[in-house]
Amino acid sequence: MEALKEILATFSFIFGIIFLYSITFTQFDWYDFFIGITLLALAYFIWPSKKKGQRESSNIILDIIEIAIELPVDLFIGLVRFIGRLFRNKDGGIDLDIDF
């Protein structure tokens, strides 16, 4: 069952990338954009991740595919958290708080 999830997630990821790639070089289409994003999200949720404790095997190819599948979602979550930290104020109001 784990192999089936890996194959399905990999194909979903590849087709999601193809849809997003197609809108960069052809006419932009919202339908293709949402299908691409949906396929990437589907690949993320189907993939049996080591971080979630769903996969115990140690295979370098599967580890590389896992990084590629989880990278777009991890970057998006990190961006949302970063923006949330910028506008978080300790007093409850909205304030731009940049720490260097």
N, C-alpha and C. Protein backbone atom coordinates (compact mmCIF):
# COMPACT_ATOMS: atom_id res chain seq x y z
N MET A 1 0.82 -1.19 0.00
CA MET A 1 0.00 0.00 0.00
C MET A 1 0.87 1.26 0.00
N GLU A 2 2.00 1.15 0.68
CA GLU A 2 2.90 2.30 0.73
C GLU A 2 3.46 2.62 -0.65
N ALA A 3 3.78 1.59 -1.42
CA ALA A 3 4.30 1.81 -2.77
C ALA A 3 3.26 2.45 -3.67
N LEU A 4 2.00 2.06 -3.50
CA LEU A 4 0.92 2.65 -4.29
C LEU A 4 0.76 4.14 -3.96
N LYS A 5 0.86 4.49 -2.69
CA LYS A 5 0.79 5.90 -2.29
C LYS A 5 1.95 6.69 -2.87
N GLU A 6 3.14 6.08 -2.85
CA GLU A 6 4.31 6.77 -3.40
C GLU A 6 4.16 7.01 -4.90
N ILE A 7 3.67 6.02 -5.62
CA ILE A 7 3.48 6.17 -7.07
C ILE A 7 2.41 7.20 -7.38
N LEU A 8 1.29 7.13 -6.67
CA LEU A 8 0.19 8.08 -6.91
C LEU A 8 0.61 9.51 -6.57
N ALA A 9 1.33 9.68 -5.47
CA ALA A 9 1.79 11.01 -5.09
C ALA A 9 2.82 11.54 -6.08
N THR A 10 3.69 10.68 -6.57
CA THR A 10 4.70 11.11 -7.54
C THR A 10 4.06 11.57 -8.84
N PHE A 11 3.10 10.79 -9.35
CA PHE A 11 2.42 11.20 -10.58
C PHE A 11 1.59 12.47 -10.37
N SER A 12 0.97 12.59 -9.22
CA SER A 12 0.21 13.80 -8.92
C SER A 12 1.13 15.02 -8.89
N PHE A 13 2.30 14.86 -8.29
CA PHE A 13 3.27 15.95 -8.23
C PHE A 13 3.76 16.32 -9.63
N ILE A 14 4.07 15.33 -10.45
CA ILE A 14 4.56 15.59 -11.80
C ILE A 14 3.51 16.31 -12.63
N PHE A 15 2.25 15.85 -12.58
CA PHE A 15 1.21 16.52 -13.35
C PHE A 15 0.91 17.91 -12.80
N GLY A 16 1.03 18.12 -11.49
CA GLY A 16 0.86 19.45 -10.92
C GLY A 16 1.92 20.42 -11.42
N ILE A 17 3.15 19.94 -11.48
CA ILE A 17 4.25 20.77 -12.01
C ILE A 17 4.02 21.06 -13.49
N ILE A 18 3.54 20.08 -14.23
CA ILE A 18 3.27 20.30 -15.66
C ILE A 18 2.19 21.36 -15.85
N PHE A 19 1.13 21.32 -15.05
CA PHE A 19 0.07 22.33 -15.16
C PHE A 19 0.61 23.72 -14.82
N LEU A 20 1.40 23.82 -13.76
CA LEU A 20 1.94 25.13 -13.39
C LEU A 20 2.99 25.61 -14.40
N TYR A 21 3.74 24.70 -14.96
CA TYR A 21 4.72 25.05 -15.98
C TYR A 21 4.03 25.56 -17.24
N SER A 22 2.89 24.95 -17.57
CA SER A 22 2.20 25.33 -18.80
C SER A 22 1.65 26.75 -18.74
N ILE A 23 1.28 27.23 -17.55
CA ILE A 23 0.74 28.59 -17.48
C ILE A 23 1.83 29.65 -17.53
N THR A 24 3.09 29.26 -17.35
CA THR A 24 4.15 30.25 -17.43
C THR A 24 4.57 30.54 -18.87
N PHE A 25 4.37 29.58 -19.77
CA PHE A 25 4.81 29.77 -21.15
C PHE A 25 3.65 29.88 -22.14
N THR A 26 2.45 29.68 -21.69
CA THR A 26 1.28 29.87 -22.54
C THR A 26 0.41 30.93 -21.88
N GLN A 27 -0.77 31.09 -22.38
CA GLN A 27 -1.69 32.06 -21.80
C GLN A 27 -2.10 31.62 -20.40
N PHE A 28 -2.07 32.56 -19.45
CA PHE A 28 -2.43 32.24 -18.07
C PHE A 28 -3.89 31.83 -18.00
N ASP A 29 -4.14 30.72 -17.33
CA ASP A 29 -5.49 30.20 -17.18
C ASP A 29 -5.71 29.82 -15.72
N TRP A 30 -6.74 30.40 -15.10
CA TRP A 30 -7.01 30.12 -13.69
C TRP A 30 -7.33 28.65 -13.47
N TYR A 31 -7.98 28.02 -14.42
CA TYR A 31 -8.31 26.60 -14.30
C TYR A 31 -7.04 25.76 -14.17
N ASP A 32 -6.06 26.00 -15.03
CA ASP A 32 -4.79 25.27 -14.95
C ASP A 32 -4.07 25.56 -13.65
N PHE A 33 -4.13 26.81 -13.20
CA PHE A 33 -3.48 27.18 -11.95
C PHE A 33 -4.07 26.42 -10.77
N PHE A 34 -5.40 26.40 -10.66
CA PHE A 34 -6.03 25.71 -9.54
C PHE A 34 -5.86 24.20 -9.62
N ILE A 35 -5.87 23.63 -10.81
CA ILE A 35 -5.62 22.20 -10.97
C ILE A 35 -4.18 21.88 -10.54
N GLY A 36 -3.23 22.69 -10.94
CA GLY A 36 -1.83 22.48 -10.56
C GLY A 36 -1.62 22.55 -9.06
N ILE A 37 -2.20 23.57 -8.43
CA ILE A 37 -2.08 23.72 -6.98
C ILE A 37 -2.76 22.56 -6.26
N THR A 38 -3.92 22.15 -6.75
CA THR A 38 -4.65 21.04 -6.15
C THR A 38 -3.86 19.74 -6.26
N LEU A 39 -3.24 19.50 -7.41
CA LEU A 39 -2.44 18.29 -7.57
C LEU A 39 -1.20 18.30 -6.67
N LEU A 40 -0.57 19.45 -6.49
CA LEU A 40 0.57 19.53 -5.58
C LEU A 40 0.14 19.27 -4.14
N ALA A 41 -1.00 19.83 -3.74
CA ALA A 41 -1.51 19.60 -2.39
C ALA A 41 -1.90 18.13 -2.20
N LEU A 42 -2.51 17.54 -3.22
CA LEU A 42 -2.88 16.14 -3.16
C LEU A 42 -1.63 15.26 -3.01
N ALA A 43 -0.58 15.57 -3.75
CA ALA A 43 0.67 14.81 -3.63
C ALA A 43 1.25 14.93 -2.23
N TYR A 44 1.15 16.12 -1.65
CA TYR A 44 1.68 16.33 -0.30
C TYR A 44 0.92 15.49 0.73
N PHE A 45 -0.40 15.44 0.61
CA PHE A 45 -1.20 14.72 1.60
C PHE A 45 -1.17 13.21 1.38
N ILE A 46 -0.93 12.75 0.16
CA ILE A 46 -0.88 11.32 -0.11
C ILE A 46 0.48 10.73 0.26
N TRP A 47 1.54 11.48 0.08
CA TRP A 47 2.89 10.96 0.27
C TRP A 47 3.09 10.46 1.70
N PRO A 48 3.60 9.22 1.86
CA PRO A 48 3.90 8.71 3.21
C PRO A 48 5.23 9.29 3.71
N SER A 49 5.14 10.32 4.50
CA SER A 49 6.30 11.10 4.89
C SER A 49 7.05 10.48 6.06
N LYS A 50 8.37 10.65 6.05
CA LYS A 50 9.18 10.23 7.19
C LYS A 50 8.95 11.15 8.39
N LYS A 51 8.71 12.44 8.11
CA LYS A 51 8.48 13.40 9.19
C LYS A 51 7.21 13.05 9.97
N LYS A 52 6.22 12.51 9.28
CA LYS A 52 4.97 12.14 9.93
C LYS A 52 5.01 10.73 10.49
N GLY A 53 6.12 10.03 10.30
CA GLY A 53 6.27 8.69 10.81
C GLY A 53 5.54 7.63 10.01
N GLN A 54 5.22 7.91 8.74
CA GLN A 54 4.47 6.97 7.92
C GLN A 54 5.37 6.07 7.09
N ARG A 55 6.64 6.41 6.98
CA ARG A 55 7.57 5.63 6.17
C ARG A 55 8.85 5.41 6.96
N GLU A 56 9.24 4.15 7.08
CA GLU A 56 10.43 3.83 7.85
C GLU A 56 11.61 3.42 6.99
N SER A 57 11.36 3.07 5.74
CA SER A 57 12.44 2.60 4.88
C SER A 57 13.39 3.74 4.55
N SER A 58 14.65 3.38 4.40
CA SER A 58 15.66 4.38 4.08
C SER A 58 16.13 4.14 2.64
N ASN A 59 15.62 4.95 1.75
CA ASN A 59 15.96 4.85 0.33
C ASN A 59 16.26 6.27 -0.14
N ILE A 60 17.43 6.49 -0.69
CA ILE A 60 17.86 7.83 -1.08
C ILE A 60 16.97 8.42 -2.16
N ILE A 61 16.48 7.60 -3.09
CA ILE A 61 15.61 8.10 -4.16
C ILE A 61 14.29 8.58 -3.57
N LEU A 62 13.71 7.79 -2.67
CA LEU A 62 12.45 8.19 -2.04
C LEU A 62 12.63 9.41 -1.16
N ASP A 63 13.80 9.54 -0.53
CA ASP A 63 14.07 10.73 0.28
C ASP A 63 14.14 11.98 -0.58
N ILE A 64 14.74 11.88 -1.74
CA ILE A 64 14.83 13.03 -2.66
C ILE A 64 13.45 13.41 -3.18
N ILE A 65 12.64 12.39 -3.54
CA ILE A 65 11.28 12.66 -4.00
C ILE A 65 10.46 13.30 -2.89
N GLU A 66 10.66 12.83 -1.65
CA GLU A 66 9.94 13.41 -0.52
C GLU A 66 10.28 14.88 -0.33
N ILE A 67 11.55 15.22 -0.46
CA ILE A 67 11.95 16.63 -0.34
C ILE A 67 11.29 17.46 -1.43
N ALA A 68 11.26 16.95 -2.66
CA ALA A 68 10.66 17.69 -3.77
C ALA A 68 9.16 17.87 -3.57
N ILE A 69 8.48 16.85 -3.06
CA ILE A 69 7.03 16.94 -2.88
C ILE A 69 6.67 17.86 -1.72
N GLU A 70 7.44 17.80 -0.65
CA GLU A 70 7.11 18.59 0.53
C GLU A 70 7.63 20.02 0.48
N LEU A 71 8.58 20.31 -0.39
CA LEU A 71 9.18 21.65 -0.45
C LEU A 71 8.19 22.76 -0.77
N PRO A 72 7.32 22.65 -1.79
CA PRO A 72 6.41 23.77 -2.06
C PRO A 72 5.47 24.08 -0.89
N VAL A 73 4.97 23.05 -0.24
CA VAL A 73 4.04 23.27 0.88
C VAL A 73 4.80 23.84 2.08
N ASP A 74 6.00 23.33 2.35
CA ASP A 74 6.79 23.86 3.45
C ASP A 74 7.18 25.32 3.23
N LEU A 75 7.51 25.67 1.99
CA LEU A 75 7.83 27.07 1.68
C LEU A 75 6.61 27.97 1.87
N PHE A 76 5.44 27.52 1.44
CA PHE A 76 4.22 28.31 1.59
C PHE A 76 3.87 28.49 3.07
N ILE A 77 3.97 27.43 3.86
CA ILE A 77 3.68 27.51 5.29
C ILE A 77 4.68 28.43 5.97
N GLY A 78 5.96 28.34 5.60
CA GLY A 78 6.97 29.21 6.17
C GLY A 78 6.73 30.68 5.82
N LEU A 79 6.30 30.95 4.60
CA LEU A 79 6.00 32.32 4.18
C LEU A 79 4.82 32.89 4.97
N VAL A 80 3.78 32.10 5.15
CA VAL A 80 2.61 32.55 5.91
C VAL A 80 3.00 32.82 7.37
N ARG A 81 3.81 31.95 7.95
CA ARG A 81 4.25 32.16 9.34
C ARG A 81 5.13 33.41 9.46
N PHE A 82 6.00 33.63 8.46
CA PHE A 82 6.86 34.82 8.48
C PHE A 82 6.04 36.09 8.41
N ILE A 83 5.06 36.12 7.53
CA ILE A 83 4.19 37.29 7.41
C ILE A 83 3.39 37.49 8.69
N GLY A 84 2.94 36.40 9.29
CA GLY A 84 2.22 36.50 10.56
C GLY A 84 3.08 37.05 11.67
N ARG A 85 4.36 36.68 11.70
CA ARG A 85 5.27 37.19 12.73
C ARG A 85 5.58 38.66 12.51
N LEU A 86 5.61 39.10 11.26
CA LEU A 86 5.88 40.52 10.98
C LEU A 86 4.80 41.42 11.57
N PHE A 87 3.57 40.98 11.47
CA PHE A 87 2.45 41.83 11.89
C PHE A 87 1.93 41.50 13.28
N ARG A 88 2.61 40.64 14.01
CA ARG A 88 2.18 40.30 15.36
C ARG A 88 2.76 41.31 16.35
N ASN A 89 1.91 41.77 17.23
CA ASN A 89 2.32 42.70 18.26
C ASN A 89 2.05 42.04 19.61
N LYS A 90 2.88 42.32 20.56
CA LYS A 90 2.71 41.72 21.89
C LYS A 90 1.49 42.28 22.62
N ASP A 91 1.01 43.47 22.24
CA ASP A 91 -0.12 44.10 22.91
C ASP A 91 -1.46 43.73 22.29
N GLY A 92 -1.48 42.97 21.23
CA GLY A 92 -2.73 42.56 20.61
C GLY A 92 -3.08 43.34 19.36
N GLY A 93 -2.42 44.46 19.09
CA GLY A 93 -2.69 45.23 17.89
C GLY A 93 -1.79 44.78 16.75
N ILE A 94 -1.96 45.40 15.62
CA ILE A 94 -1.13 45.08 14.46
C ILE A 94 0.04 46.05 14.44
N ASP A 95 1.24 45.49 14.31
CA ASP A 95 2.44 46.31 14.31
C ASP A 95 3.49 45.60 13.47
N LEU A 96 4.28 46.37 12.76
CA LEU A 96 5.35 45.81 11.97
C LEU A 96 6.55 45.63 12.89
N ASP A 97 6.91 44.37 13.14
CA ASP A 97 7.97 44.06 14.08
C ASP A 97 9.07 43.29 13.36
N ILE A 98 10.15 44.00 12.99
CA ILE A 98 11.26 43.36 12.28
C ILE A 98 12.45 43.31 13.22
N ASP A 99 12.93 42.09 13.47
CA ASP A 99 14.08 41.89 14.33
C ASP A 99 15.27 41.44 13.51
N PHE A 100 16.39 42.10 13.68
CA PHE A 100 17.62 41.70 13.00
C PHE A 100 18.60 41.19 13.99
